[in-house]
N, C-alpha and C. Protein backbone atom coordinates (compact mmCIF):
# COMPACT_ATOMS: atom_id res chain seq x y z
N MET A 1 57.93 80.96 -21.36
CA MET A 1 56.48 80.67 -20.91
C MET A 1 56.35 79.54 -19.37
N GLN A 2 56.25 78.99 -18.80
CA GLN A 2 56.08 77.74 -18.00
C GLN A 2 54.95 77.21 -18.15
N THR A 3 54.97 75.65 -18.13
CA THR A 3 53.54 74.79 -17.65
C THR A 3 54.26 73.55 -16.26
N LYS A 4 53.28 73.45 -16.27
CA LYS A 4 53.73 72.25 -14.99
C LYS A 4 53.53 71.16 -15.27
N LYS A 5 54.40 70.14 -15.04
CA LYS A 5 54.33 68.15 -15.23
C LYS A 5 53.67 67.85 -14.29
N PRO A 6 53.03 66.97 -14.80
CA PRO A 6 52.35 65.98 -13.51
C PRO A 6 53.33 65.97 -12.21
N GLY A 7 54.39 65.51 -12.13
CA GLY A 7 55.35 65.47 -11.13
C GLY A 7 55.88 66.94 -10.39
N GLY A 8 54.93 68.02 -10.78
CA GLY A 8 55.30 69.34 -10.49
C GLY A 8 55.88 69.95 -10.95
N GLU A 9 57.30 69.70 -11.56
CA GLU A 9 58.14 70.22 -11.82
C GLU A 9 57.69 71.06 -13.55
N ASN A 10 58.90 71.92 -13.68
CA ASN A 10 58.47 73.40 -14.31
C ASN A 10 59.08 72.99 -16.01
N GLU A 11 58.34 72.59 -16.23
CA GLU A 11 59.07 73.01 -17.80
C GLU A 11 58.80 73.81 -18.91
N TRP A 12 60.15 74.22 -19.67
CA TRP A 12 60.41 75.99 -20.02
C TRP A 12 59.63 74.95 -21.85
N VAL A 13 58.46 75.96 -22.29
CA VAL A 13 58.53 75.94 -23.21
C VAL A 13 58.89 76.95 -24.71
N ASP A 14 59.70 78.36 -23.70
CA ASP A 14 60.51 78.60 -25.21
C ASP A 14 61.94 78.46 -24.34
N PRO A 15 63.02 78.40 -25.05
CA PRO A 15 64.30 77.96 -24.57
C PRO A 15 64.71 79.81 -24.64
N ASP A 16 64.30 80.38 -24.88
CA ASP A 16 64.37 82.17 -24.32
C ASP A 16 64.23 82.70 -23.14
N GLU A 17 63.45 82.07 -22.69
CA GLU A 17 62.60 82.61 -21.21
C GLU A 17 63.25 81.16 -19.69
N ALA A 18 64.38 80.81 -20.40
CA ALA A 18 65.15 79.62 -20.00
C ALA A 18 66.18 80.81 -18.31
N PRO A 19 66.10 79.71 -17.70
CA PRO A 19 66.86 80.96 -16.61
C PRO A 19 68.53 80.88 -16.94
N PRO A 20 69.22 81.76 -16.47
CA PRO A 20 70.98 82.41 -17.49
C PRO A 20 71.64 81.28 -16.93
N LEU A 21 72.12 80.74 -17.36
CA LEU A 21 73.16 80.06 -17.29
C LEU A 21 74.99 80.77 -16.34
N THR A 22 74.31 80.50 -15.09
CA THR A 22 75.22 81.52 -14.22
C THR A 22 76.37 80.48 -13.52
N ARG A 23 77.45 81.11 -13.33
CA ARG A 23 78.35 80.12 -12.58
C ARG A 23 78.06 79.86 -11.03
N GLU A 24 76.61 79.72 -10.77
CA GLU A 24 76.23 78.82 -9.53
C GLU A 24 75.71 78.23 -9.94
N TRP A 25 74.73 78.27 -11.25
CA TRP A 25 74.30 77.02 -11.77
C TRP A 25 75.38 75.62 -12.44
N PHE A 26 76.67 75.96 -12.73
CA PHE A 26 77.23 75.54 -13.22
C PHE A 26 77.82 74.64 -12.28
N GLU A 27 78.03 75.35 -10.97
CA GLU A 27 78.86 75.08 -10.26
C GLU A 27 77.73 73.76 -9.34
N ARG A 28 76.29 73.63 -9.49
CA ARG A 28 75.55 72.81 -8.78
C ARG A 28 75.49 71.76 -9.81
N ALA A 29 75.43 72.16 -11.81
CA ALA A 29 75.36 71.14 -12.19
C ALA A 29 76.43 69.44 -11.57
N ASP A 30 75.82 68.19 -11.98
CA ASP A 30 75.97 67.19 -12.06
C ASP A 30 77.52 66.89 -12.93
N LEU A 31 78.31 66.41 -12.81
CA LEU A 31 79.59 66.14 -13.66
C LEU A 31 79.89 64.21 -13.78
N TYR A 32 80.19 64.29 -15.12
CA TYR A 32 80.39 63.12 -15.72
C TYR A 32 81.41 62.68 -16.25
N ARG A 33 81.69 61.62 -16.20
CA ARG A 33 83.33 61.59 -16.13
C ARG A 33 82.96 59.93 -17.90
N GLY A 34 82.49 60.10 -18.60
CA GLY A 34 82.10 59.33 -19.12
C GLY A 34 80.15 59.05 -18.96
N ASP A 35 80.21 57.51 -18.28
CA ASP A 35 78.62 57.72 -18.33
C ASP A 35 78.39 57.45 -16.42
N ASN A 36 79.90 57.57 -15.95
CA ASN A 36 79.90 57.52 -14.40
C ASN A 36 79.78 58.86 -13.45
N LEU A 37 78.53 58.92 -12.94
CA LEU A 37 78.30 60.61 -12.45
C LEU A 37 79.85 60.29 -11.20
N VAL A 38 80.48 61.46 -11.05
CA VAL A 38 81.09 61.60 -10.34
C VAL A 38 80.77 62.45 -9.17
N ARG A 39 80.80 61.57 -7.87
CA ARG A 39 80.44 62.62 -6.66
C ARG A 39 80.49 63.32 -5.98
N ARG A 40 79.47 64.43 -5.68
CA ARG A 40 80.21 65.54 -5.41
C ARG A 40 80.70 65.46 -3.60
N GLY A 41 80.85 66.27 -2.92
CA GLY A 41 80.76 66.26 -0.81
C GLY A 41 82.20 66.08 -0.66
N ARG A 42 81.86 65.56 0.66
CA ARG A 42 83.42 65.47 1.13
C ARG A 42 84.54 63.82 0.38
N PRO A 43 85.50 64.13 0.31
CA PRO A 43 86.34 62.96 -0.02
C PRO A 43 86.54 61.88 0.62
N LYS A 44 86.97 60.50 0.10
CA LYS A 44 86.74 59.30 0.78
C LYS A 44 87.74 59.19 1.47
N SER A 45 87.64 59.09 2.89
CA SER A 45 88.91 59.09 3.77
C SER A 45 89.92 57.79 3.25
N VAL A 46 91.60 58.16 3.80
CA VAL A 46 92.41 57.16 3.60
C VAL A 46 91.84 56.36 4.55
N SER A 47 91.74 56.21 5.89
CA SER A 47 91.28 55.18 7.08
C SER A 47 89.68 55.42 7.49
N PRO A 48 88.55 55.09 6.50
CA PRO A 48 86.92 55.36 6.88
C PRO A 48 87.28 54.29 8.35
N LYS A 49 86.53 54.69 8.99
CA LYS A 49 85.62 54.12 9.89
C LYS A 49 84.76 52.86 9.28
N GLN A 50 84.82 51.83 10.38
CA GLN A 50 83.99 51.08 10.16
C GLN A 50 81.95 50.51 11.05
N ALA A 51 81.43 50.30 10.24
CA ALA A 51 80.18 50.45 10.87
C ALA A 51 80.22 48.69 11.66
N VAL A 52 79.71 48.89 13.01
CA VAL A 52 79.77 47.93 13.70
C VAL A 52 78.36 47.68 14.83
N ASN A 53 78.40 46.06 15.00
CA ASN A 53 77.57 46.96 16.26
C ASN A 53 77.76 46.22 18.02
N LEU A 54 77.47 47.02 18.64
CA LEU A 54 77.97 47.11 20.06
C LEU A 54 77.05 47.49 21.40
N ARG A 55 77.26 46.19 21.74
CA ARG A 55 76.27 46.99 23.02
C ARG A 55 76.51 47.12 24.50
N LEU A 56 76.25 48.51 24.54
CA LEU A 56 76.72 49.77 25.56
C LEU A 56 76.00 49.52 26.89
N ASP A 57 76.11 49.64 27.72
CA ASP A 57 74.82 49.67 29.23
C ASP A 57 74.48 51.09 28.95
N ALA A 58 73.47 51.03 29.19
CA ALA A 58 72.02 52.02 29.17
C ALA A 58 72.52 53.16 28.84
N ASP A 59 72.87 53.42 30.50
CA ASP A 59 73.55 54.88 31.14
C ASP A 59 74.40 55.65 30.42
N VAL A 60 75.39 54.54 29.88
CA VAL A 60 76.85 54.71 29.33
C VAL A 60 76.37 55.51 28.04
N LEU A 61 75.01 54.92 27.19
CA LEU A 61 74.58 55.47 26.01
C LEU A 61 74.12 56.78 26.07
N GLU A 62 73.53 56.63 27.47
CA GLU A 62 72.20 57.96 27.87
C GLU A 62 73.01 59.31 27.54
N TYR A 63 74.30 58.58 28.59
CA TYR A 63 75.56 59.75 28.74
C TYR A 63 76.11 60.91 27.06
N PHE A 64 76.41 59.92 26.33
CA PHE A 64 76.82 60.28 25.56
C PHE A 64 75.48 60.82 24.25
N ARG A 65 74.49 60.32 24.12
CA ARG A 65 73.40 61.16 23.50
C ARG A 65 72.86 62.12 23.94
N ASN A 66 73.14 61.84 25.19
CA ASN A 66 72.85 63.99 25.75
C ASN A 66 73.54 64.72 25.50
N THR A 67 74.91 64.78 25.41
CA THR A 67 75.93 65.43 24.38
C THR A 67 75.40 66.29 23.75
N GLY A 68 74.94 65.19 22.66
CA GLY A 68 74.55 66.31 21.22
C GLY A 68 75.45 65.73 20.15
N PRO A 69 75.06 66.23 18.60
CA PRO A 69 75.84 65.55 18.13
C PRO A 69 76.72 65.12 18.05
N GLY A 70 77.42 64.48 17.25
CA GLY A 70 78.97 63.89 17.12
C GLY A 70 79.56 63.22 18.66
N TRP A 71 77.86 62.17 19.51
CA TRP A 71 78.28 61.76 20.37
C TRP A 71 79.21 60.51 20.02
N GLN A 72 78.66 59.87 18.86
CA GLN A 72 79.24 58.82 18.59
C GLN A 72 80.64 59.14 18.05
N SER A 73 80.95 59.84 17.58
CA SER A 73 82.53 60.09 17.31
C SER A 73 83.56 60.68 19.29
N ARG A 74 82.61 60.86 19.75
CA ARG A 74 82.90 60.88 21.13
C ARG A 74 83.04 59.20 22.13
N ILE A 75 82.32 58.79 21.83
CA ILE A 75 82.25 57.34 22.54
C ILE A 75 84.03 57.09 21.66
N ASN A 76 84.34 56.82 21.14
CA ASN A 76 84.87 57.26 19.37
C ASN A 76 86.43 57.66 20.23
N GLU A 77 86.72 58.52 20.23
CA GLU A 77 88.12 59.33 20.88
C GLU A 77 87.47 58.85 22.26
N ALA A 78 86.53 58.57 22.96
CA ALA A 78 86.53 57.74 24.57
C ALA A 78 87.37 56.82 24.35
N LEU A 79 87.02 55.73 23.46
CA LEU A 79 87.13 54.01 23.34
C LEU A 79 89.23 54.48 22.48
N ARG A 80 89.95 55.43 21.91
CA ARG A 80 91.01 55.95 21.22
C ARG A 80 91.97 55.62 22.47
N LYS A 81 91.07 56.23 23.41
CA LYS A 81 91.71 57.05 24.85
C LYS A 81 92.69 56.24 26.07
N ALA A 82 91.49 55.03 25.91
CA ALA A 82 91.40 54.05 26.80
C ALA A 82 92.24 52.74 25.94
N ALA A 83 92.28 53.18 24.83
CA ALA A 83 92.88 51.86 24.27
C ALA A 83 94.90 52.63 24.39
N GLY A 84 94.88 53.98 24.51
CA GLY A 84 96.06 54.35 24.35
C GLY A 84 96.56 54.53 22.83
N LEU A 85 95.29 55.36 22.23
CA LEU A 85 96.03 55.04 20.54
C LEU A 85 95.65 56.82 20.21
């Protein structure tokens, strides 16, 4: 039997009614080393990008934004090409 906590979360009353501990459940579980939560997701880059403030002409910014998601990476790519990197 489940009851609702004030925050809207389910609270298991009977441990026999708990969801089965499947492989998928363990794959989504948080992993701790000591008291530290091990972050999931993409590993840290060897050469991470740096956040900067950059003033661009409005038409240049509009052009890149209109190219859709990834426009910032395309600006980076254009700058690398212009710098000969």
